[in-house]
């Protein structure tokens, strides 16, 4: 759990620092640092669903190939 929290803090810190340095706007840096991880979490959920469905299709094709042979 400590590693996960550490990564989360690093992720938010990097996002904040990069946007702040690129724009010079501390408020925008803070907003992006808060919004980006939330959007990334939702994107990750759909990414995992896609890969799970892909794996299921692949396993189904392998089972079908065994039954045909």
C-alpha atoms as a PDB file:
ATOM      1  CA  UNK A   1       0.000   0.000   0.000  1.00  0.00           C
ATOM      2  CA  UNK A   2       2.847   2.383   0.789  1.00  0.00           C
ATOM      3  CA  UNK A   3       4.233   1.928  -2.740  1.00  0.00           C
ATOM      4  CA  UNK A   4       0.808   2.730  -4.240  1.00  0.00           C
ATOM      5  CA  UNK A   5       0.421   5.878  -2.142  1.00  0.00           C
ATOM      6  CA  UNK A   6       3.978   6.906  -2.980  1.00  0.00           C
ATOM      7  CA  UNK A   7       3.278   6.488  -6.703  1.00  0.00           C
ATOM      8  CA  UNK A   8       0.040   8.472  -6.398  1.00  0.00           C
ATOM      9  CA  UNK A   9       1.818  11.361  -4.691  1.00  0.00           C
ATOM     10  CA  UNK A  10       4.566  11.298  -7.306  1.00  0.00           C
ATOM     11  CA  UNK A  11       1.999  11.228 -10.138  1.00  0.00           C
ATOM     12  CA  UNK A  12       0.091  14.255  -8.797  1.00  0.00           C
ATOM     13  CA  UNK A  13       3.343  16.108  -8.075  1.00  0.00           C
ATOM     14  CA  UNK A  14       4.682  15.559 -11.584  1.00  0.00           C
ATOM     15  CA  UNK A  15       1.391  16.640 -13.192  1.00  0.00           C
ATOM     16  CA  UNK A  16       1.226  19.770 -11.038  1.00  0.00           C
ATOM     17  CA  UNK A  17       4.867  20.717 -11.588  1.00  0.00           C
ATOM     18  CA  UNK A  18       4.791  20.209 -15.361  1.00  0.00           C
ATOM     19  CA  UNK A  19       1.605  22.223 -15.915  1.00  0.00           C
ATOM     20  CA  UNK A  20       2.764  24.950 -13.543  1.00  0.00           C
ATOM     21  CA  UNK A  21       6.135  25.222 -15.313  1.00  0.00           C
ATOM     22  CA  UNK A  22       4.540  25.144 -18.764  1.00  0.00           C
ATOM     23  CA  UNK A  23       1.867  27.738 -18.025  1.00  0.00           C
ATOM     24  CA  UNK A  24       3.180  29.683 -15.042  1.00  0.00           C
ATOM     25  CA  UNK A  25      -0.288  29.301 -13.519  1.00  0.00           C
ATOM     26  CA  UNK A  26      -0.338  27.641 -10.106  1.00  0.00           C
ATOM     27  CA  UNK A  27      -4.143  27.308 -10.125  1.00  0.00           C
ATOM     28  CA  UNK A  28      -4.125  25.577 -13.500  1.00  0.00           C
ATOM     29  CA  UNK A  29      -1.321  23.298 -12.286  1.00  0.00           C
ATOM     30  CA  UNK A  30      -3.407  22.361  -9.254  1.00  0.00           C
ATOM     31  CA  UNK A  31      -6.539  21.788 -11.322  1.00  0.00           C
ATOM     32  CA  UNK A  32      -4.777  19.508 -13.766  1.00  0.00           C
ATOM     33  CA  UNK A  33      -3.048  17.659 -10.919  1.00  0.00           C
ATOM     34  CA  UNK A  34      -6.467  16.901  -9.417  1.00  0.00           C
ATOM     35  CA  UNK A  35      -8.446  16.232 -12.602  1.00  0.00           C
ATOM     36  CA  UNK A  36      -5.904  14.193 -14.581  1.00  0.00           C
ATOM     37  CA  UNK A  37      -5.654  11.273 -12.120  1.00  0.00           C
ATOM     38  CA  UNK A  38      -9.452  10.987 -11.986  1.00  0.00           C
ATOM     39  CA  UNK A  39      -9.735  10.911 -15.782  1.00  0.00           C
ATOM     40  CA  UNK A  40      -6.823   8.489 -15.960  1.00  0.00           C
ATOM     41  CA  UNK A  41      -8.541   6.177 -13.459  1.00  0.00           C
ATOM     42  CA  UNK A  42     -11.720   6.084 -15.557  1.00  0.00           C
ATOM     43  CA  UNK A  43      -9.675   5.483 -18.712  1.00  0.00           C
ATOM     44  CA  UNK A  44      -7.837   2.640 -16.943  1.00  0.00           C
ATOM     45  CA  UNK A  45     -11.167   0.992 -16.059  1.00  0.00           C
ATOM     46  CA  UNK A  46     -12.189   0.887 -19.738  1.00  0.00           C
ATOM     47  CA  UNK A  47      -8.681  -0.169 -20.764  1.00  0.00           C
ATOM     48  CA  UNK A  48      -8.935  -3.174 -18.433  1.00  0.00           C
ATOM     49  CA  UNK A  49     -12.422  -4.057 -19.749  1.00  0.00           C
ATOM     50  CA  UNK A  50     -11.076  -3.992 -23.314  1.00  0.00           C
ATOM     51  CA  UNK A  51      -8.145  -6.281 -22.475  1.00  0.00           C
ATOM     52  CA  UNK A  52     -10.326  -8.683 -20.477  1.00  0.00           C
ATOM     53  CA  UNK A  53     -12.728  -8.984 -23.423  1.00  0.00           C
ATOM     54  CA  UNK A  54      -9.797  -9.466 -25.786  1.00  0.00           C
ATOM     55  CA  UNK A  55      -8.385 -12.233 -23.605  1.00  0.00           C
ATOM     56  CA  UNK A  56     -11.791 -13.905 -23.402  1.00  0.00           C
ATOM     57  CA  UNK A  57     -12.113 -13.859 -27.214  1.00  0.00           C
ATOM     58  CA  UNK A  58      -8.608 -15.285 -27.589  1.00  0.00           C
ATOM     59  CA  UNK A  59      -9.345 -18.113 -25.142  1.00  0.00           C
ATOM     60  CA  UNK A  60     -12.629 -18.846 -26.914  1.00  0.00           C
ATOM     61  CA  UNK A  61     -10.827 -19.145 -30.263  1.00  0.00           C
ATOM     62  CA  UNK A  62      -8.252 -21.490 -28.717  1.00  0.00           C
ATOM     63  CA  UNK A  63     -10.999 -23.711 -27.293  1.00  0.00           C
ATOM     64  CA  UNK A  64     -12.773 -23.741 -30.681  1.00  0.00           C
ATOM     65  CA  UNK A  65      -9.509 -24.704 -32.399  1.00  0.00           C
ATOM     66  CA  UNK A  66      -9.040 -27.628 -30.017  1.00  0.00           C
ATOM     67  CA  UNK A  67     -12.579 -28.892 -30.673  1.00  0.00           C
ATOM     68  CA  UNK A  68     -12.098 -28.666 -34.450  1.00  0.00           C
ATOM     69  CA  UNK A  69      -8.789 -30.560 -34.384  1.00  0.00           C
END
